[in-house]
Amino acid sequence: MRFDEVIGQEDAKARLRTLVEEGRVPHAMLFCGPAGSGKMALAMAFASYLLCQNRHDGDCCEHCPQCTMLRKWAHPDLHFTYPVIKPSNSSSDYKPVSDDFTREWHEMIANGPYFTIDQWLTQMNATSQQAIITVKESDEISRKLNLKSSQGGYKISLVWLPERMNDASANKLLKLIEEPPSQTVFLLVTEEPALLLETIRSRTQRFDIRGISTEDIEHALNERRGIDNEAAHRIARVAGGSWTKALQTLDADNENRTFLDLFIQINRLALTRDIAGMKDWSISCYELGREKQRRMLRFFHRMVRESFMYNFHIAELSYLTLEEEQFIKKFSPYINEDNVIILSEMIDESIRDIGQNANAKILFFDFALQLTKALPKRR
């Protein structure tokens, strides 16, 4: 993979190239940044750059034997580690490892280096399981890295979401980082570095990645997806620095469209005081499942904020898709200084209660009833 496949992030690419050119590649690096910012893409491009035999013009050559293997992510000296679930039909005491899902992983990264944990869980056919990195995985990392480099160069351990390691696994990884095998480079890609052991953070060189600029997302939508300028501009602003969020917005069946429908429904029901409809709406929300419920409420939070800001009629303050704006321009007069904080606190409280396993049917019905009090009567 080449650096020119990474969207934007020119400063980060330049810093990584400089490390190689000056011979200052750290043995352990921590790539930190928000979801969709391209930190995994940068780590994969950097790994390819380190392994390429004929780098030129600041990128991989694409023609050497190393690059040929990397096109299929089949290089024997590049080892991926990622959170996994317990395979079906495995025993209760079985500790899963990344190799259990090699086929699923390669299918996903073959579609590009931008993906989310939710996409990965879907790829593994996970239901309610939590994906983690087990202590057995750390043993596998140690075994692989203690083998001699098959190509005579670097051995690279690329760990995606190391914050999902359990304590035993994290402590074993720490020992590896403290006493790395010869010619080994660890690339850890995290969204929540605070959840890592402090000792791991202190022994890695932190590499912070910012969200992708709106201009770079807009340009990528134009060039890679053929989106017209106006639509690309709206999508890029709503994406908030995340390429994965921009792609989700393009999806005709994307999650945000479902959330928008539910947001429109409940506000219309609240404005008309339709109690029976609110009960049906709360059941629809219950059926989403807890993780999706939280994402829906965070979407509601954004819609409340956007509705309030829309009243100021300043385009630069508005981050809406065309479909969202069509509803918000009619709904925004109902959100004002008197209720915007109340509504935001209602949503925050609901997110917290879902995290504490509150009964979702009761929670969302109560949310709907509170909404009837918070919104002014229909004009």
Protein backbone atom coordinates (compact mmCIF):
# COMPACT_ATOMS: atom_id res chain seq x y z
CA MET A 1 0.00 0.00 0.00
CA ARG A 2 1.28 3.46 -0.91
CA PHE A 3 1.10 6.70 1.04
CA ASP A 4 -0.77 8.27 -1.88
CA GLU A 5 -3.70 5.94 -1.11
CA VAL A 6 -4.12 7.61 2.29
CA ILE A 7 -6.64 10.47 2.19
CA GLY A 8 -5.08 13.77 3.21
CA GLN A 9 -2.77 13.71 6.27
CA GLU A 10 0.17 15.14 4.30
CA ASP A 11 1.97 16.35 7.44
CA ALA A 12 1.75 12.90 9.02
CA LYS A 13 3.05 11.23 5.85
CA ALA A 14 6.00 13.63 5.74
CA ARG A 15 6.91 12.91 9.37
CA LEU A 16 6.83 9.16 8.77
CA ARG A 17 9.01 9.43 5.65
CA THR A 18 11.51 11.54 7.59
CA LEU A 19 11.84 8.87 10.29
CA VAL A 20 12.86 6.35 7.62
CA GLU A 21 15.13 8.71 5.67
CA GLU A 22 17.00 9.74 8.83
CA GLY A 23 17.22 6.20 10.21
CA ARG A 24 15.22 7.08 13.33
CA VAL A 25 12.40 4.53 13.13
CA PRO A 26 11.28 3.79 16.72
CA HIS A 27 10.90 0.15 17.67
CA ALA A 28 7.38 0.87 18.99
CA MET A 29 4.93 3.52 17.76
CA LEU A 30 1.44 4.40 18.96
CA PHE A 31 -0.86 5.78 16.25
CA CYS A 32 -3.65 7.71 18.01
CA GLY A 33 -6.64 9.43 16.47
CA PRO A 34 -10.41 9.51 16.10
CA ALA A 35 -12.36 6.91 14.14
CA GLY A 36 -12.12 7.36 10.40
CA SER A 37 -9.10 9.67 10.53
CA GLY A 38 -6.92 7.23 8.60
CA LYS A 39 -4.55 6.15 11.36
CA MET A 40 -4.84 2.50 10.33
CA ALA A 41 -4.33 3.48 6.69
CA LEU A 42 -1.20 5.42 7.68
CA ALA A 43 0.12 2.51 9.75
CA MET A 44 -0.44 0.08 6.86
CA ALA A 45 1.20 2.45 4.38
CA PHE A 46 4.14 2.97 6.78
CA ALA A 47 4.55 -0.80 7.23
CA SER A 48 4.59 -1.19 3.44
CA TYR A 49 7.15 1.64 3.14
CA LEU A 50 9.43 -0.04 5.69
CA LEU A 51 9.26 -3.38 3.87
CA CYS A 52 9.61 -2.06 0.28
CA GLN A 53 13.04 -2.75 -1.26
CA ASN A 54 13.06 0.11 -3.78
CA ARG A 55 11.44 3.17 -2.22
CA HIS A 56 11.48 6.23 -4.43
CA ASP A 57 9.78 9.63 -4.53
CA GLY A 58 8.70 9.13 -0.93
CA ASP A 59 6.58 6.05 -1.58
CA CYS A 60 6.64 2.32 -2.28
CA CYS A 61 7.81 1.17 -5.71
CA GLU A 62 4.92 -1.30 -6.19
CA HIS A 63 7.18 -3.55 -8.29
CA CYS A 64 9.64 -5.26 -5.93
CA PRO A 65 8.86 -8.74 -4.51
CA GLN A 66 7.92 -7.15 -1.18
CA CYS A 67 5.31 -4.87 -2.76
CA THR A 68 3.94 -7.78 -4.79
CA MET A 69 3.25 -9.66 -1.54
CA LEU A 70 1.92 -6.55 0.19
CA ARG A 71 -0.69 -5.99 -2.52
CA LYS A 72 -2.43 -9.07 -1.11
CA TRP A 73 -1.28 -8.38 2.47
CA ALA A 74 0.54 -11.70 2.35
CA HIS A 75 4.01 -10.56 3.41
CA PRO A 76 5.48 -13.13 5.84
CA ASP A 77 7.16 -10.44 7.98
CA LEU A 78 4.01 -8.35 8.53
CA HIS A 79 1.85 -9.73 11.34
CA PHE A 80 -1.62 -8.35 12.05
CA THR A 81 -3.23 -8.52 15.48
CA TYR A 82 -6.85 -7.49 16.04
CA PRO A 83 -9.74 -8.06 18.47
CA VAL A 84 -11.69 -11.26 17.86
CA ILE A 85 -14.63 -13.18 19.26
CA LYS A 86 -14.74 -16.82 20.25
CA PRO A 87 -15.31 -18.94 17.12
CA SER A 88 -18.57 -20.84 16.95
CA ASN A 89 -18.41 -24.44 18.16
CA SER A 90 -15.27 -23.76 20.23
CA SER A 91 -15.02 -24.97 23.81
CA SER A 92 -15.91 -22.69 26.71
CA ASP A 93 -12.28 -22.35 27.81
CA TYR A 94 -10.87 -21.72 24.31
CA LYS A 95 -8.89 -18.46 23.95
CA PRO A 96 -9.36 -17.09 20.42
CA VAL A 97 -6.51 -15.58 18.41
CA SER A 98 -6.32 -13.41 15.29
CA ASP A 99 -5.42 -16.39 13.10
CA ASP A 100 -8.89 -17.82 13.77
CA PHE A 101 -10.30 -15.04 11.58
CA THR A 102 -7.55 -14.60 8.98
CA ARG A 103 -9.92 -15.11 6.06
CA GLU A 104 -12.45 -12.57 7.36
CA TRP A 105 -9.70 -10.04 8.11
CA HIS A 106 -8.17 -10.26 4.63
CA GLU A 107 -11.60 -9.98 3.04
CA MET A 108 -12.17 -6.75 4.96
CA ILE A 109 -8.81 -5.07 4.37
CA ALA A 110 -8.97 -6.05 0.69
CA ASN A 111 -11.81 -3.50 0.46
CA GLY A 112 -9.57 -0.75 1.83
CA PRO A 113 -7.81 0.40 5.00
CA TYR A 114 -10.75 2.46 6.32
CA PHE A 115 -13.11 0.45 8.53
CA THR A 116 -14.73 0.47 11.96
CA ILE A 117 -15.02 -2.00 14.82
CA ASP A 118 -18.72 -2.39 13.96
CA GLN A 119 -17.81 -3.40 10.42
CA TRP A 120 -15.29 -5.88 11.78
CA LEU A 121 -17.85 -7.38 14.17
CA THR A 122 -20.25 -7.80 11.26
CA GLN A 123 -17.47 -9.41 9.20
CA MET A 124 -16.97 -11.96 12.00
CA ASN A 125 -20.75 -12.54 12.30
CA ALA A 126 -20.61 -11.41 15.91
CA THR A 127 -23.90 -11.07 17.75
CA SER A 128 -23.60 -9.98 21.37
CA GLN A 129 -19.98 -11.07 21.86
CA GLN A 130 -17.33 -8.55 22.79
CA ALA A 131 -14.21 -8.65 20.62
CA ILE A 132 -10.98 -8.73 22.64
CA ILE A 133 -7.28 -9.56 22.29
CA THR A 134 -6.51 -12.50 24.57
CA VAL A 135 -3.36 -13.53 26.41
CA LYS A 136 -2.97 -16.39 23.93
CA GLU A 137 -2.66 -13.77 21.19
CA SER A 138 0.32 -12.19 22.95
CA ASP A 139 1.98 -15.60 23.01
CA GLU A 140 1.36 -15.85 19.25
CA ILE A 141 2.91 -12.41 18.67
CA SER A 142 6.00 -13.48 20.63
CA ARG A 143 6.28 -16.74 18.71
CA LYS A 144 6.02 -15.05 15.30
CA LEU A 145 8.42 -12.21 16.08
CA ASN A 146 11.08 -14.54 17.47
CA LEU A 147 11.31 -16.24 14.08
CA LYS A 148 14.05 -14.97 11.75
CA SER A 149 12.91 -12.41 9.18
CA SER A 150 12.11 -14.34 6.03
CA GLN A 151 13.13 -11.45 3.78
CA GLY A 152 16.11 -10.20 5.78
CA GLY A 153 14.54 -6.87 6.76
CA TYR A 154 12.09 -5.60 9.34
CA LYS A 155 9.56 -7.76 11.17
CA ILE A 156 6.45 -5.70 11.84
CA SER A 157 3.72 -6.32 14.38
CA LEU A 158 0.69 -4.17 13.52
CA VAL A 159 -1.83 -4.23 16.39
CA TRP A 160 -5.26 -2.74 15.70
CA LEU A 161 -7.14 -1.51 18.79
CA PRO A 162 -4.68 -2.65 21.49
CA GLU A 163 -6.99 -1.05 24.08
CA ARG A 164 -9.10 -4.19 23.72
CA MET A 165 -6.37 -6.34 25.27
CA ASN A 166 -7.16 -7.91 28.60
CA ASP A 167 -4.67 -7.25 31.42
CA ALA A 168 -2.71 -10.47 30.98
CA SER A 169 -2.33 -9.88 27.26
CA ALA A 170 -1.31 -6.24 27.74
CA ASN A 171 1.38 -7.16 30.27
CA LYS A 172 2.87 -9.75 27.92
CA LEU A 173 2.89 -7.22 25.08
CA LEU A 174 4.62 -4.75 27.41
CA LYS A 175 7.42 -7.24 28.02
CA LEU A 176 7.84 -7.71 24.26
CA ILE A 177 8.03 -3.97 23.71
CA GLU A 178 10.58 -3.62 26.52
CA GLU A 179 12.75 -6.42 25.11
CA PRO A 180 11.92 -6.50 21.38
CA PRO A 181 13.27 -9.25 19.13
CA SER A 182 15.89 -8.15 16.59
CA GLN A 183 14.72 -5.86 13.74
CA THR A 184 11.17 -5.68 15.11
CA VAL A 185 8.84 -2.68 14.82
CA PHE A 186 5.57 -2.50 16.74
CA LEU A 187 2.81 -0.32 15.25
CA LEU A 188 -0.11 0.06 17.66
CA VAL A 189 -3.25 1.73 16.27
CA THR A 190 -5.64 3.02 18.93
CA GLU A 191 -8.74 5.17 19.27
CA GLU A 192 -8.66 5.25 23.08
CA PRO A 193 -5.03 5.45 24.24
CA ALA A 194 -6.13 6.26 27.80
CA LEU A 195 -7.38 2.66 28.13
CA LEU A 196 -3.90 1.28 27.47
CA LEU A 197 -1.48 0.46 30.26
CA GLU A 198 0.43 3.61 31.17
CA THR A 199 3.64 1.59 30.91
CA ILE A 200 2.83 0.70 27.28
CA ARG A 201 2.11 4.34 26.47
CA SER A 202 5.38 5.44 28.04
CA ARG A 203 7.43 2.91 26.03
CA THR A 204 6.02 3.83 22.63
CA GLN A 205 6.50 6.94 20.55
CA ARG A 206 3.10 8.56 20.28
CA PHE A 207 1.99 9.66 16.83
CA ASP A 208 -1.20 11.74 16.96
CA ILE A 209 -3.42 11.81 13.87
CA ARG A 210 -5.99 14.56 13.47
CA GLY A 211 -9.29 14.20 11.66
CA ILE A 212 -9.06 14.51 7.88
CA SER A 213 -9.64 18.05 6.66
CA THR A 214 -13.02 18.84 5.13
CA GLU A 215 -11.28 19.86 1.90
CA ASP A 216 -9.45 16.52 1.62
CA ILE A 217 -12.64 14.53 2.23
CA GLU A 218 -14.49 16.65 -0.31
CA HIS A 219 -11.71 16.12 -2.87
CA ALA A 220 -11.68 12.35 -2.23
CA LEU A 221 -15.45 12.17 -2.68
CA ASN A 222 -15.07 13.98 -6.00
CA GLU A 223 -12.13 11.91 -7.26
CA ARG A 224 -12.81 8.47 -5.79
CA ARG A 225 -16.59 8.38 -5.69
CA GLY A 226 -17.62 10.77 -8.44
CA ILE A 227 -19.82 12.84 -6.09
CA ASP A 228 -20.81 16.28 -7.37
CA ASN A 229 -19.37 19.35 -5.64
CA GLU A 230 -22.41 20.42 -3.61
CA ALA A 231 -23.18 16.94 -2.28
CA ALA A 232 -19.49 16.29 -1.57
CA HIS A 233 -19.25 19.57 0.35
CA ARG A 234 -22.24 18.72 2.55
CA ILE A 235 -21.09 15.16 3.20
CA ALA A 236 -17.54 16.29 4.01
CA ARG A 237 -18.78 18.82 6.59
CA VAL A 238 -21.08 16.28 8.25
CA ALA A 239 -18.29 13.67 8.28
CA GLY A 240 -16.35 15.70 10.83
CA GLY A 241 -12.93 14.47 9.74
CA SER A 242 -13.96 10.82 9.32
CA TRP A 243 -13.73 9.10 5.94
CA THR A 244 -15.70 6.10 7.24
CA LYS A 245 -18.51 8.43 8.29
CA ALA A 246 -18.46 10.04 4.84
CA LEU A 247 -18.79 6.59 3.25
CA GLN A 248 -21.64 5.65 5.58
CA THR A 249 -23.48 8.82 4.54
CA LEU A 250 -23.23 7.67 0.92
CA ASP A 251 -24.80 4.31 1.69
CA ALA A 252 -28.46 4.30 0.66
CA ASP A 253 -29.29 2.15 3.68
CA ASN A 254 -26.96 3.90 6.07
CA GLU A 255 -27.61 3.93 9.77
CA ASN A 256 -27.98 7.70 10.02
CA ARG A 257 -30.93 7.61 7.63
CA THR A 258 -32.68 5.18 9.98
CA PHE A 259 -31.87 7.44 12.93
CA LEU A 260 -33.16 10.49 11.08
CA ASP A 261 -36.46 8.69 10.41
CA LEU A 262 -36.77 7.85 14.10
CA PHE A 263 -35.90 11.43 15.09
CA ILE A 264 -38.57 12.80 12.74
CA GLN A 265 -41.13 10.29 14.01
CA ILE A 266 -40.69 11.01 17.70
CA ASN A 267 -40.76 14.77 17.31
CA ARG A 268 -43.94 14.61 15.25
CA LEU A 269 -45.49 12.28 17.81
CA ALA A 270 -44.42 14.57 20.65
CA LEU A 271 -45.80 17.67 18.94
CA THR A 272 -49.16 15.96 18.33
CA ARG A 273 -49.19 14.28 21.78
CA ASP A 274 -49.77 10.88 20.17
CA ILE A 275 -49.27 8.54 23.17
CA ALA A 276 -50.12 5.33 21.31
CA GLY A 277 -47.63 6.23 18.58
CA MET A 278 -44.98 6.93 21.22
CA LYS A 279 -45.45 3.43 22.63
CA ASP A 280 -44.91 1.88 19.18
CA TRP A 281 -41.88 4.15 18.65
CA SER A 282 -40.30 3.04 21.95
CA ILE A 283 -40.66 -0.61 20.89
CA SER A 284 -38.92 0.17 17.58
CA CYS A 285 -36.02 1.72 19.52
CA TYR A 286 -35.88 -1.25 21.90
CA GLU A 287 -35.41 -3.62 18.95
CA LEU A 288 -32.24 -1.80 17.82
CA GLY A 289 -30.09 -3.23 20.60
CA ARG A 290 -28.06 -1.27 23.15
CA GLU A 291 -25.05 -0.29 21.05
CA LYS A 292 -27.23 1.00 18.24
CA GLN A 293 -29.48 2.77 20.74
CA ARG A 294 -26.50 4.72 22.04
CA ARG A 295 -25.45 5.68 18.53
CA MET A 296 -29.00 6.77 17.77
CA LEU A 297 -29.09 9.03 20.83
CA ARG A 298 -25.77 10.58 19.87
CA PHE A 299 -27.31 11.28 16.46
CA PHE A 300 -30.30 12.89 18.23
CA HIS A 301 -27.83 15.04 20.15
CA ARG A 302 -26.37 16.31 16.89
CA MET A 303 -29.82 17.01 15.45
CA VAL A 304 -30.78 19.07 18.50
CA ARG A 305 -27.57 21.07 18.21
CA GLU A 306 -28.04 21.58 14.47
CA SER A 307 -31.67 22.62 14.95
CA PHE A 308 -30.64 25.26 17.44
CA MET A 309 -27.80 26.58 15.28
CA TYR A 310 -30.01 26.63 12.18
CA ASN A 311 -32.03 29.43 13.75
CA PHE A 312 -29.05 31.77 13.38
CA HIS A 313 -29.15 31.39 9.56
CA ILE A 314 -25.35 31.22 9.27
CA ALA A 315 -24.35 28.56 6.74
CA GLU A 316 -20.89 28.06 8.26
CA LEU A 317 -22.51 26.88 11.51
CA SER A 318 -24.64 24.23 9.83
CA TYR A 319 -23.40 20.66 9.33
CA LEU A 320 -26.34 18.94 7.67
CA THR A 321 -26.94 16.65 4.73
CA LEU A 322 -29.59 17.82 2.28
CA GLU A 323 -32.08 15.28 3.65
CA GLU A 324 -31.45 16.42 7.25
CA GLU A 325 -31.79 20.07 6.32
CA GLN A 326 -35.18 19.46 4.67
CA PHE A 327 -36.57 18.46 8.06
CA ILE A 328 -34.52 20.77 10.28
CA LYS A 329 -35.55 23.97 8.48
CA LYS A 330 -39.18 23.23 9.51
CA PHE A 331 -38.36 21.81 12.93
CA SER A 332 -35.70 24.29 14.12
CA PRO A 333 -38.21 26.93 15.43
CA TYR A 334 -39.21 24.41 18.12
CA ILE A 335 -35.63 24.36 19.52
CA ASN A 336 -34.67 27.52 21.38
CA GLU A 337 -32.81 28.94 24.39
CA ASP A 338 -35.52 27.65 26.73
CA ASN A 339 -35.28 23.97 25.85
CA VAL A 340 -31.98 23.23 24.07
CA ILE A 341 -30.11 22.50 27.31
CA ILE A 342 -33.03 20.48 28.70
CA LEU A 343 -33.14 18.33 25.57
CA SER A 344 -29.36 17.80 25.58
CA GLU A 345 -29.45 16.71 29.22
CA MET A 346 -32.35 14.34 28.50
CA ILE A 347 -30.31 12.65 25.78
CA ASP A 348 -27.16 12.47 27.95
CA GLU A 349 -29.16 10.88 30.75
CA SER A 350 -30.67 8.32 28.39
CA ILE A 351 -27.23 7.38 27.04
CA ARG A 352 -26.01 6.89 30.60
CA ASP A 353 -29.05 4.80 31.59
CA ILE A 354 -28.67 2.51 28.58
CA GLY A 355 -25.05 1.94 29.61
CA GLN A 356 -26.37 0.90 33.03
CA ASN A 357 -28.75 -1.66 31.47
CA ALA A 358 -31.98 0.23 32.05
CA ASN A 359 -35.15 -1.26 30.57
CA ALA A 360 -35.04 0.22 27.06
CA LYS A 361 -38.80 0.05 26.41
CA ILE A 362 -39.56 2.05 29.55
CA LEU A 363 -36.61 4.38 28.97
CA PHE A 364 -37.64 5.37 25.45
CA PHE A 365 -41.32 5.71 26.31
CA ASP A 366 -40.37 7.99 29.20
CA PHE A 367 -38.04 9.90 26.85
CA ALA A 368 -40.96 10.45 24.47
CA LEU A 369 -43.20 11.69 27.28
CA GLN A 370 -40.52 14.12 28.49
CA LEU A 371 -40.17 15.39 24.94
CA THR A 372 -43.83 16.42 24.88
CA LYS A 373 -43.12 18.68 27.86
CA ALA A 374 -39.88 20.09 26.47
CA LEU A 375 -41.21 21.02 23.04
CA PRO A 376 -43.63 23.93 22.65
CA LYS A 377 -47.09 23.12 21.34
CA ARG A 378 -47.43 22.87 17.57
CA ARG A 379 -47.90 26.23 15.92
